[in-house]
PDB file of N, CA and C in Angstrom:
ATOM      1  N   MET A   1      15.693 -13.634  15.649  1.00  0.00           N
ATOM      2  CA  MET A   1      14.870 -13.916  16.818  1.00  0.00           C
ATOM      3  C   MET A   1      15.710 -13.738  18.076  1.00  0.00           C
ATOM      4  N   ARG A   2      15.097 -13.096  19.061  1.00  0.00           N
ATOM      5  CA  ARG A   2      15.770 -12.907  20.339  1.00  0.00           C
ATOM      6  C   ARG A   2      14.830 -13.288  21.456  1.00  0.00           C
ATOM      7  N   ALA A   3      15.369 -13.991  22.421  1.00  0.00           N
ATOM      8  CA  ALA A   3      14.627 -14.318  23.630  1.00  0.00           C
ATOM      9  C   ALA A   3      14.863 -13.200  24.642  1.00  0.00           C
ATOM     10  N   THR A   4      13.967 -13.103  25.609  1.00  0.00           N
ATOM     11  CA  THR A   4      14.107 -12.107  26.670  1.00  0.00           C
ATOM     12  C   THR A   4      14.064 -12.825  28.005  1.00  0.00           C
ATOM     13  N   ILE A   5      15.112 -12.644  28.807  1.00  0.00           N
ATOM     14  CA  ILE A   5      15.171 -13.244  30.139  1.00  0.00           C
ATOM     15  C   ILE A   5      14.971 -12.122  31.150  1.00  0.00           C
ATOM     16  N   TYR A   6      13.949 -12.263  31.981  1.00  0.00           N
ATOM     17  CA  TYR A   6      13.626 -11.265  32.997  1.00  0.00           C
ATOM     18  C   TYR A   6      14.284 -11.689  34.308  1.00  0.00           C
ATOM     19  N   MET A   7      15.360 -11.008  34.683  1.00  0.00           N
ATOM     20  CA  MET A   7      16.107 -11.357  35.885  1.00  0.00           C
ATOM     21  C   MET A   7      15.432 -10.756  37.112  1.00  0.00           C
ATOM     22  N   PRO A   8      14.894 -11.602  37.991  1.00  0.00           N
ATOM     23  CA  PRO A   8      14.201 -11.111  39.182  1.00  0.00           C
ATOM     24  C   PRO A   8      15.185 -10.821  40.319  1.00  0.00           C
ATOM     25  N   PRO A   9      14.691 -10.316  41.447  1.00  0.00           N
ATOM     26  CA  PRO A   9      15.552 -10.143  42.616  1.00  0.00           C
ATOM     27  C   PRO A   9      16.029 -11.505  43.131  1.00  0.00           C
ATOM     28  N   GLN A  10      17.065 -11.506  43.935  1.00  0.00           N
ATOM     29  CA  GLN A  10      17.630 -12.759  44.448  1.00  0.00           C
ATOM     30  C   GLN A  10      16.639 -13.545  45.298  1.00  0.00           C
ATOM     31  N   SER A  11      15.664 -12.880  45.881  1.00  0.00           N
ATOM     32  CA  SER A  11      14.695 -13.556  46.743  1.00  0.00           C
ATOM     33  C   SER A  11      13.606 -14.284  45.955  1.00  0.00           C
ATOM     34  N   ALA A  12      13.540 -14.083  44.654  1.00  0.00           N
ATOM     35  CA  ALA A  12      12.506 -14.718  43.833  1.00  0.00           C
ATOM     36  C   ALA A  12      12.792 -16.210  43.688  1.00  0.00           C
ATOM     37  N   LYS A  13      11.738 -16.956  43.409  1.00  0.00           N
ATOM     38  CA  LYS A  13      11.876 -18.410  43.277  1.00  0.00           C
ATOM     39  C   LYS A  13      12.030 -18.849  41.834  1.00  0.00           C
ATOM     40  N   ARG A  14      11.551 -18.032  40.889  1.00  0.00           N
ATOM     41  CA  ARG A  14      11.583 -18.438  39.486  1.00  0.00           C
ATOM     42  C   ARG A  14      12.107 -17.319  38.599  1.00  0.00           C
ATOM     43  N   ILE A  15      12.702 -17.722  37.477  1.00  0.00           N
ATOM     44  CA  ILE A  15      13.155 -16.791  36.443  1.00  0.00           C
ATOM     45  C   ILE A  15      12.202 -16.933  35.266  1.00  0.00           C
ATOM     46  N   LYS A  16      11.623 -15.838  34.840  1.00  0.00           N
ATOM     47  CA  LYS A  16      10.700 -15.875  33.714  1.00  0.00           C
ATOM     48  C   LYS A  16      11.421 -15.424  32.452  1.00  0.00           C
ATOM     49  N   PHE A  17      11.000 -15.986  31.323  1.00  0.00           N
ATOM     50  CA  PHE A  17      11.614 -15.615  30.058  1.00  0.00           C
ATOM     51  C   PHE A  17      10.621 -15.801  28.929  1.00  0.00           C
ATOM     52  N   TYR A  18      10.863 -15.049  27.857  1.00  0.00           N
ATOM     53  CA  TYR A  18       9.996 -15.062  26.688  1.00  0.00           C
ATOM     54  C   TYR A  18      10.737 -15.710  25.532  1.00  0.00           C
ATOM     55  N   ILE A  19      10.054 -16.628  24.857  1.00  0.00           N
ATOM     56  CA  ILE A  19      10.590 -17.266  23.655  1.00  0.00           C
ATOM     57  C   ILE A  19       9.680 -16.875  22.496  1.00  0.00           C
ATOM     58  N   PRO A  20      10.241 -16.367  21.393  1.00  0.00           N
ATOM     59  CA  PRO A  20       9.407 -16.019  20.242  1.00  0.00           C
ATOM     60  C   PRO A  20       8.633 -17.236  19.725  1.00  0.00           C
ATOM     61  N   TYR A  21       7.484 -16.968  19.148  1.00  0.00           N
ATOM     62  CA  TYR A  21       6.595 -18.041  18.689  1.00  0.00           C
ATOM     63  C   TYR A  21       7.265 -18.945  17.668  1.00  0.00           C
ATOM     64  N   LYS A  22       8.068 -18.375  16.788  1.00  0.00           N
ATOM     65  CA  LYS A  22       8.670 -19.159  15.710  1.00  0.00           C
ATOM     66  C   LYS A  22       9.916 -19.934  16.141  1.00  0.00           C
ATOM     67  N   ALA A  23      10.363 -19.775  17.370  1.00  0.00           N
ATOM     68  CA  ALA A  23      11.561 -20.462  17.860  1.00  0.00           C
ATOM     69  C   ALA A  23      11.192 -21.847  18.391  1.00  0.00           C
ATOM     70  N   ILE A  24      10.801 -22.731  17.504  1.00  0.00           N
ATOM     71  CA  ILE A  24      10.320 -24.062  17.894  1.00  0.00           C
ATOM     72  C   ILE A  24      11.443 -24.900  18.499  1.00  0.00           C
ATOM     73  N   SER A  25      12.635 -24.827  17.944  1.00  0.00           N
ATOM     74  CA  SER A  25      13.746 -25.630  18.469  1.00  0.00           C
ATOM     75  C   SER A  25      14.113 -25.201  19.887  1.00  0.00           C
ATOM     76  N   TRP A  26      14.073 -23.903  20.161  1.00  0.00           N
ATOM     77  CA  TRP A  26      14.333 -23.431  21.521  1.00  0.00           C
ATOM     78  C   TRP A  26      13.289 -23.981  22.484  1.00  0.00           C
ATOM     79  N   ARG A  27      12.026 -23.933  22.073  1.00  0.00           N
ATOM     80  CA  ARG A  27      10.952 -24.419  22.944  1.00  0.00           C
ATOM     81  C   ARG A  27      11.141 -25.893  23.282  1.00  0.00           C
ATOM     82  N   LYS A  28      11.502 -26.698  22.289  1.00  0.00           N
ATOM     83  CA  LYS A  28      11.712 -28.128  22.527  1.00  0.00           C
ATOM     84  C   LYS A  28      12.841 -28.353  23.532  1.00  0.00           C
ATOM     85  N   GLN A  29      13.903 -27.583  23.420  1.00  0.00           N
ATOM     86  CA  GLN A  29      15.019 -27.731  24.353  1.00  0.00           C
ATOM     87  C   GLN A  29      14.650 -27.256  25.751  1.00  0.00           C
ATOM     88  N   VAL A  30      13.879 -26.181  25.833  1.00  0.00           N
ATOM     89  CA  VAL A  30      13.466 -25.658  27.139  1.00  0.00           C
ATOM     90  C   VAL A  30      12.552 -26.650  27.845  1.00  0.00           C
ATOM     91  N   LYS A  31      11.697 -27.329  27.102  1.00  0.00           N
ATOM     92  CA  LYS A  31      10.783 -28.307  27.695  1.00  0.00           C
ATOM     93  C   LYS A  31      11.530 -29.452  28.358  1.00  0.00           C
ATOM     94  N   GLU A  32      12.769 -29.707  27.915  1.00  0.00           N
ATOM     95  CA  GLU A  32      13.567 -30.777  28.502  1.00  0.00           C
ATOM     96  C   GLU A  32      14.234 -30.364  29.807  1.00  0.00           C
ATOM     97  N   LEU A  33      14.299 -29.066  30.098  1.00  0.00           N
ATOM     98  CA  LEU A  33      14.865 -28.604  31.364  1.00  0.00           C
ATOM     99  C   LEU A  33      13.954 -29.005  32.514  1.00  0.00           C
ATOM    100  N   ARG A  34      14.562 -29.283  33.652  1.00  0.00           N
ATOM    101  CA  ARG A  34      13.728 -29.650  34.810  1.00  0.00           C
ATOM    102  C   ARG A  34      13.056 -28.395  35.378  1.00  0.00           C
ATOM    103  N   ASN A  35      11.872 -28.594  35.887  1.00  0.00           N
ATOM    104  CA  ASN A  35      11.085 -27.534  36.531  1.00  0.00           C
ATOM    105  C   ASN A  35      10.731 -26.373  35.611  1.00  0.00           C
ATOM    106  N   CYS A  36      10.617 -26.617  34.311  1.00  0.00           N
ATOM    107  CA  CYS A  36      10.174 -25.537  33.433  1.00  0.00           C
ATOM    108  C   CYS A  36       8.648 -25.528  33.388  1.00  0.00           C
ATOM    109  N   TYR A  37       8.086 -24.350  33.234  1.00  0.00           N
ATOM    110  CA  TYR A  37       6.637 -24.199  33.241  1.00  0.00           C
ATOM    111  C   TYR A  37       6.256 -23.063  32.301  1.00  0.00           C
ATOM    112  N   TYR A  38       5.160 -23.234  31.578  1.00  0.00           N
ATOM    113  CA  TYR A  38       4.665 -22.189  30.681  1.00  0.00           C
ATOM    114  C   TYR A  38       3.480 -21.496  31.330  1.00  0.00           C
ATOM    115  N   HIS A  39       3.566 -20.188  31.476  1.00  0.00           N
ATOM    116  CA  HIS A  39       2.478 -19.377  32.026  1.00  0.00           C
ATOM    117  C   HIS A  39       1.666 -18.849  30.850  1.00  0.00           C
ATOM    118  N   GLY A  40       0.569 -19.504  30.540  1.00  0.00           N
ATOM    119  CA  GLY A  40      -0.230 -19.163  29.368  1.00  0.00           C
ATOM    120  C   GLY A  40      -0.810 -17.770  29.401  1.00  0.00           C
ATOM    121  N   ASN A  41      -1.225 -17.319  30.584  1.00  0.00           N
ATOM    122  CA  ASN A  41      -1.835 -15.987  30.674  1.00  0.00           C
ATOM    123  C   ASN A  41      -0.804 -14.874  30.470  1.00  0.00           C
ATOM    124  N   LEU A  42       0.463 -15.135  30.801  1.00  0.00           N
ATOM    125  CA  LEU A  42       1.525 -14.144  30.620  1.00  0.00           C
ATOM    126  C   LEU A  42       2.300 -14.341  29.322  1.00  0.00           C
ATOM    127  N   LYS A  43       2.122 -15.503  28.707  1.00  0.00           N
ATOM    128  CA  LYS A  43       2.883 -15.883  27.510  1.00  0.00           C
ATOM    129  C   LYS A  43       4.383 -15.922  27.812  1.00  0.00           C
ATOM    130  N   LEU A  44       4.722 -16.379  29.023  1.00  0.00           N
ATOM    131  CA  LEU A  44       6.108 -16.481  29.463  1.00  0.00           C
ATOM    132  C   LEU A  44       6.397 -17.887  29.973  1.00  0.00           C
ATOM    133  N   TRP A  45       7.643 -18.299  29.846  1.00  0.00           N
ATOM    134  CA  TRP A  45       8.124 -19.538  30.438  1.00  0.00           C
ATOM    135  C   TRP A  45       8.841 -19.184  31.729  1.00  0.00           C
ATOM    136  N   SER A  46       9.006 -20.191  32.615  1.00  0.00           N
ATOM    137  CA  SER A  46       9.791 -19.946  33.816  1.00  0.00           C
ATOM    138  C   SER A  46      10.515 -21.217  34.228  1.00  0.00           C
ATOM    139  N   ILE A  47      11.644 -21.008  34.897  1.00  0.00           N
ATOM    140  CA  ILE A  47      12.405 -22.091  35.511  1.00  0.00           C
ATOM    141  C   ILE A  47      12.725 -21.671  36.935  1.00  0.00           C
ATOM    142  N   THR A  48      13.116 -22.619  37.771  1.00  0.00           N
ATOM    143  CA  THR A  48      13.479 -22.266  39.136  1.00  0.00           C
ATOM    144  C   THR A  48      14.764 -21.432  39.123  1.00  0.00           C
ATOM    145  N   TYR A  49      14.899 -20.602  40.129  1.00  0.00           N
ATOM    146  CA  TYR A  49      16.054 -19.706  40.212  1.00  0.00           C
ATOM    147  C   TYR A  49      17.263 -20.538  40.635  1.00  0.00           C
ATOM    148  N   ASP A  50      18.014 -20.993  39.649  1.00  0.00           N
ATOM    149  CA  ASP A  50      19.181 -21.841  39.882  1.00  0.00           C
ATOM    150  C   ASP A  50      20.247 -21.442  38.865  1.00  0.00           C
ATOM    151  N   SER A  51      21.478 -21.262  39.317  1.00  0.00           N
ATOM    152  CA  SER A  51      22.534 -20.806  38.411  1.00  0.00           C
ATOM    153  C   SER A  51      22.834 -21.827  37.319  1.00  0.00           C
ATOM    154  N   LYS A  52      22.728 -23.112  37.627  1.00  0.00           N
ATOM    155  CA  LYS A  52      22.978 -24.147  36.616  1.00  0.00           C
ATOM    156  C   LYS A  52      21.901 -24.108  35.528  1.00  0.00           C
ATOM    157  N   LEU A  53      20.651 -23.978  35.938  1.00  0.00           N
ATOM    158  CA  LEU A  53      19.567 -23.897  34.959  1.00  0.00           C
ATOM    159  C   LEU A  53      19.670 -22.634  34.116  1.00  0.00           C
ATOM    160  N   LEU A  54      20.076 -21.536  34.742  1.00  0.00           N
ATOM    161  CA  LEU A  54      20.228 -20.288  34.006  1.00  0.00           C
ATOM    162  C   LEU A  54      21.342 -20.421  32.965  1.00  0.00           C
ATOM    163  N   ALA A  55      22.436 -21.091  33.331  1.00  0.00           N
ATOM    164  CA  ALA A  55      23.526 -21.310  32.384  1.00  0.00           C
ATOM    165  C   ALA A  55      23.064 -22.187  31.221  1.00  0.00           C
ATOM    166  N   GLN A  56      22.265 -23.215  31.519  1.00  0.00           N
ATOM    167  CA  GLN A  56      21.724 -24.067  30.455  1.00  0.00           C
ATOM    168  C   GLN A  56      20.798 -23.270  29.536  1.00  0.00           C
ATOM    169  N   LEU A  57      19.999 -22.407  30.131  1.00  0.00           N
ATOM    170  CA  LEU A  57      19.075 -21.589  29.349  1.00  0.00           C
ATOM    171  C   LEU A  57      19.836 -20.652  28.416  1.00  0.00           C
ATOM    172  N   LYS A  58      20.888 -20.011  28.940  1.00  0.00           N
ATOM    173  CA  LYS A  58      21.695 -19.121  28.111  1.00  0.00           C
ATOM    174  C   LYS A  58      22.382 -19.889  26.989  1.00  0.00           C
ATOM    175  N   ALA A  59      22.777 -21.131  27.273  1.00  0.00           N
ATOM    176  CA  ALA A  59      23.416 -21.954  26.244  1.00  0.00           C
ATOM    177  C   ALA A  59      22.424 -22.308  25.134  1.00  0.00           C
ATOM    178  N   ILE A  60      21.173 -22.517  25.493  1.00  0.00           N
ATOM    179  CA  ILE A  60      20.142 -22.825  24.487  1.00  0.00           C
ATOM    180  C   ILE A  60      19.958 -21.641  23.546  1.00  0.00           C
ATOM    181  N   PHE A  61      19.938 -20.419  24.100  1.00  0.00           N
ATOM    182  CA  PHE A  61      19.689 -19.228  23.288  1.00  0.00           C
ATOM    183  C   PHE A  61      20.935 -18.757  22.534  1.00  0.00           C
ATOM    184  N   THR A  62      22.111 -19.241  22.870  1.00  0.00           N
ATOM    185  CA  THR A  62      23.388 -18.919  22.204  1.00  0.00           C
ATOM    186  C   THR A  62      23.529 -17.430  21.863  1.00  0.00           C
ATOM    187  N   ASN A  63      23.562 -16.608  22.875  1.00  0.00           N
ATOM    188  CA  ASN A  63      23.758 -15.152  22.736  1.00  0.00           C
ATOM    189  C   ASN A  63      22.669 -14.442  21.927  1.00  0.00           C
ATOM    190  N   ASN A  64      21.549 -15.100  21.698  1.00  0.00           N
ATOM    191  CA  ASN A  64      20.406 -14.462  21.046  1.00  0.00           C
ATOM    192  C   ASN A  64      19.346 -14.124  22.084  1.00  0.00           C
ATOM    193  N   TYR A  65      19.761 -13.479  23.157  1.00  0.00           N
ATOM    194  CA  TYR A  65      18.823 -13.135  24.223  1.00  0.00           C
ATOM    195  C   TYR A  65      19.155 -11.757  24.777  1.00  0.00           C
ATOM    196  N   THR A  66      18.176 -11.191  25.441  1.00  0.00           N
ATOM    197  CA  THR A  66      18.327  -9.909  26.105  1.00  0.00           C
ATOM    198  C   THR A  66      17.997 -10.100  27.576  1.00  0.00           C
ATOM    199  N   LEU A  67      18.859  -9.627  28.447  1.00  0.00           N
ATOM    200  CA  LEU A  67      18.602  -9.680  29.884  1.00  0.00           C
ATOM    201  C   LEU A  67      17.918  -8.389  30.317  1.00  0.00           C
ATOM    202  N   VAL A  68      16.787  -8.538  31.011  1.00  0.00           N
ATOM    203  CA  VAL A  68      16.050  -7.381  31.518  1.00  0.00           C
ATOM    204  C   VAL A  68      16.017  -7.502  33.032  1.00  0.00           C
ATOM    205  N   ASN A  69      16.561  -6.514  33.710  1.00  0.00           N
ATOM    206  CA  ASN A  69      16.596  -6.522  35.169  1.00  0.00           C
ATOM    207  C   ASN A  69      15.295  -5.941  35.699  1.00  0.00           C
ATOM    208  N   VAL A  70      14.510  -6.745  36.403  1.00  0.00           N
ATOM    209  CA  VAL A  70      13.216  -6.275  36.924  1.00  0.00           C
ATOM    210  C   VAL A  70      13.279  -6.010  38.422  1.00  0.00           C
ATOM    211  N   GLU A  71      14.466  -5.973  38.966  1.00  0.00           N
ATOM    212  CA  GLU A  71      14.623  -5.756  40.400  1.00  0.00           C
ATOM    213  C   GLU A  71      14.258  -4.324  40.765  1.00  0.00           C
ATOM    214  N   GLY A  72      13.380  -4.185  41.721  1.00  0.00           N
ATOM    215  CA  GLY A  72      13.011  -2.874  42.214  1.00  0.00           C
ATOM    216  C   GLY A  72      11.960  -2.145  41.408  1.00  0.00           C
ATOM    217  N   GLU A  73      11.497  -2.712  40.309  1.00  0.00           N
ATOM    218  CA  GLU A  73      10.464  -2.037  39.528  1.00  0.00           C
ATOM    219  C   GLU A  73       9.102  -2.225  40.192  1.00  0.00           C
ATOM    220  N   LYS A  74       8.344  -1.171  40.218  1.00  0.00           N
ATOM    221  CA  LYS A  74       6.993  -1.229  40.765  1.00  0.00           C
ATOM    222  C   LYS A  74       6.022  -0.799  39.683  1.00  0.00           C
ATOM    223  N   PRO A  75       4.844  -1.409  39.649  1.00  0.00           N
ATOM    224  CA  PRO A  75       3.867  -0.973  38.646  1.00  0.00           C
ATOM    225  C   PRO A  75       3.438   0.467  38.910  1.00  0.00           C
ATOM    226  N   LYS A  76       3.294   1.216  37.846  1.00  0.00           N
ATOM    227  CA  LYS A  76       2.908   2.613  37.973  1.00  0.00           C
ATOM    228  C   LYS A  76       1.396   2.717  38.142  1.00  0.00           C
ATOM    229  N   THR A  77       0.978   3.516  39.103  1.00  0.00           N
ATOM    230  CA  THR A  77      -0.431   3.758  39.342  1.00  0.00           C
ATOM    231  C   THR A  77      -0.874   4.934  38.486  1.00  0.00           C
ATOM    232  N   PRO A  78      -1.928   4.741  37.692  1.00  0.00           N
ATOM    233  CA  PRO A  78      -2.374   5.863  36.874  1.00  0.00           C
ATOM    234  C   PRO A  78      -2.954   6.984  37.736  1.00  0.00           C
ATOM    235  N   VAL A  79      -2.702   8.207  37.329  1.00  0.00           N
ATOM    236  CA  VAL A  79      -3.193   9.372  38.054  1.00  0.00           C
ATOM    237  C   VAL A  79      -4.161  10.112  37.147  1.00  0.00           C
ATOM    238  N   ALA A  80      -5.350  10.384  37.678  1.00  0.00           N
ATOM    239  CA  ALA A  80      -6.355  11.112  36.907  1.00  0.00           C
ATOM    240  C   ALA A  80      -6.774  12.346  37.698  1.00  0.00           C
ATOM    241  N   THR A  81      -6.911  13.462  37.025  1.00  0.00           N
ATOM    242  CA  THR A  81      -7.411  14.670  37.665  1.00  0.00           C
ATOM    243  C   THR A  81      -8.836  14.900  37.186  1.00  0.00           C
ATOM    244  N   LEU A  82      -9.696  15.207  38.119  1.00  0.00           N
ATOM    245  CA  LEU A  82     -11.105  15.412  37.792  1.00  0.00           C
ATOM    246  C   LEU A  82     -11.391  16.899  37.654  1.00  0.00           C
ATOM    247  N   ASN A  83     -12.158  17.219  36.636  1.00  0.00           N
ATOM    248  CA  ASN A  83     -12.573  18.617  36.491  1.00  0.00           C
ATOM    249  C   ASN A  83     -13.793  18.863  37.378  1.00  0.00           C
ATOM    250  N   GLU A  84     -14.281  20.097  37.385  1.00  0.00           N
ATOM    251  CA  GLU A  84     -15.383  20.478  38.293  1.00  0.00           C
ATOM    252  C   GLU A  84     -16.654  19.673  38.026  1.00  0.00           C
ATOM    253  N   GLU A  85     -16.971  19.455  36.769  1.00  0.00           N
ATOM    254  CA  GLU A  85     -18.187  18.707  36.410  1.00  0.00           C
ATOM    255  C   GLU A  85     -18.111  17.272  36.932  1.00  0.00           C
ATOM    256  N   ASN A  86     -16.954  16.625  36.765  1.00  0.00           N
ATOM    257  CA  ASN A  86     -16.810  15.241  37.221  1.00  0.00           C
ATOM    258  C   ASN A  86     -16.792  15.135  38.739  1.00  0.00           C
ATOM    259  N   LEU A  87     -16.273  16.160  39.414  1.00  0.00           N
ATOM    260  CA  LEU A  87     -16.308  16.167  40.881  1.00  0.00           C
ATOM    261  C   LEU A  87     -17.750  16.240  41.382  1.00  0.00           C
ATOM    262  N   ASP A  88     -18.597  17.035  40.710  1.00  0.00           N
ATOM    263  CA  ASP A  88     -20.004  17.119  41.083  1.00  0.00           C
ATOM    264  C   ASP A  88     -20.706  15.780  40.863  1.00  0.00           C
ATOM    265  N   ARG A  89     -20.411  15.119  39.740  1.00  0.00           N
ATOM    266  CA  ARG A  89     -21.000  13.806  39.474  1.00  0.00           C
ATOM    267  C   ARG A  89     -20.576  12.792  40.516  1.00  0.00           C
ATOM    268  N   LEU A  90     -19.302  12.831  40.911  1.00  0.00           N
ATOM    269  CA  LEU A  90     -18.804  11.908  41.921  1.00  0.00           C
ATOM    270  C   LEU A  90     -19.491  12.139  43.262  1.00  0.00           C
ATOM    271  N   ALA A  91     -19.687  13.385  43.634  1.00  0.00           N
ATOM    272  CA  ALA A  91     -20.369  13.698  44.895  1.00  0.00           C
ATOM    273  C   ALA A  91     -21.807  13.200  44.873  1.00  0.00           C
ATOM    274  N   ALA A  92     -22.509  13.380  43.748  1.00  0.00           N
ATOM    275  CA  ALA A  92     -23.888  12.897  43.639  1.00  0.00           C
ATOM    276  C   ALA A  92     -23.938  11.374  43.734  1.00  0.00           C
ATOM    277  N   LEU A  93     -22.987  10.707  43.113  1.00  0.00           N
ATOM    278  CA  LEU A  93     -22.934   9.248  43.167  1.00  0.00           C
ATOM    279  C   LEU A  93     -22.662   8.762  44.584  1.00  0.00           C
ATOM    280  N   GLU A  94     -21.767   9.422  45.297  1.00  0.00           N
ATOM    281  CA  GLU A  94     -21.470   9.039  46.675  1.00  0.00           C
ATOM    282  C   GLU A  94     -22.693   9.221  47.566  1.00  0.00           C
ATOM    283  N   LYS A  95     -23.494  10.270  47.329  1.00  0.00           N
ATOM    284  CA  LYS A  95     -24.725  10.464  48.106  1.00  0.00           C
ATOM    285  C   LYS A  95     -25.687   9.310  47.897  1.00  0.00           C
ATOM    286  N   ARG A  96     -25.833   8.891  46.612  1.00  0.00           N
ATOM    287  CA  ARG A  96     -26.735   7.770  46.322  1.00  0.00           C
ATOM    288  C   ARG A  96     -26.250   6.491  46.968  1.00  0.00           C
ATOM    289  N   ILE A  97     -24.959   6.252  46.945  1.00  0.00           N
ATOM    290  CA  ILE A  97     -24.410   5.025  47.532  1.00  0.00           C
ATOM    291  C   ILE A  97     -24.656   5.014  49.039  1.00  0.00           C
ATOM    292  N   LEU A  98     -24.495   6.166  49.685  1.00  0.00           N
ATOM    293  CA  LEU A  98     -24.704   6.232  51.132  1.00  0.00           C
ATOM    294  C   LEU A  98     -26.172   6.087  51.498  1.00  0.00           C
ATOM    295  N   LEU A  99     -27.097   6.525  50.650  1.00  0.00           N
ATOM    296  CA  LEU A  99     -28.509   6.479  50.966  1.00  0.00           C
ATOM    297  C   LEU A  99     -29.170   5.149  50.629  1.00  0.00           C
ATOM    298  N   ILE A 100     -28.550   4.313  49.811  1.00  0.00           N
ATOM    299  CA  ILE A 100     -29.159   3.038  49.411  1.00  0.00           C
ATOM    300  C   ILE A 100     -29.477   2.141  50.613  1.00  0.00           C
ATOM    301  N   PRO A 101     -28.600   1.973  51.619  1.00  0.00           N
ATOM    302  CA  PRO A 101     -28.953   1.091  52.738  1.00  0.00           C
ATOM    303  C   PRO A 101     -30.178   1.572  53.518  1.00  0.00           C
ATOM    304  N   PHE A 102     -30.469   2.864  53.520  1.00  0.00           N
ATOM    305  CA  PHE A 102     -31.589   3.401  54.271  1.00  0.00           C
ATOM    306  C   PHE A 102     -32.883   3.364  53.471  1.00  0.00           C
ATOM    307  N   LYS A 103     -32.808   2.888  52.250  1.00  0.00           N
ATOM    308  CA  LYS A 103     -33.981   2.856  51.381  1.00  0.00           C
ATOM    309  C   LYS A 103     -34.976   1.777  51.824  1.00  0.00           C
ATOM    310  N   PHE A 104     -34.506   0.702  52.372  1.00  0.00           N
ATOM    311  CA  PHE A 104     -35.378  -0.435  52.715  1.00  0.00           C
ATOM    312  C   PHE A 104     -35.867  -0.412  54.119  1.00  0.00           C
TER     313      PHE A 104
END
């Protein structure tokens, strides 16, 4: 089992990290740290950005962790190219959207 610590930029307020589901002893120890919080929607834990807390966290995982640097990463925007048929459909849809307010 390996934990993953996501190292944010220095301006961030919290450090997020992932604990595997079966690592019950790690979870119990992390819950005892001050200012720890579980983000249920992300399935990640976080602590405040503090060097002492980070050292305690690393001690809990005892070299069974991976550091991931997330500084400077931006989410990628998907790019789609439309063929001629889809461009015609889009134009027809835009005409309908523009004409709806004048319908009433």
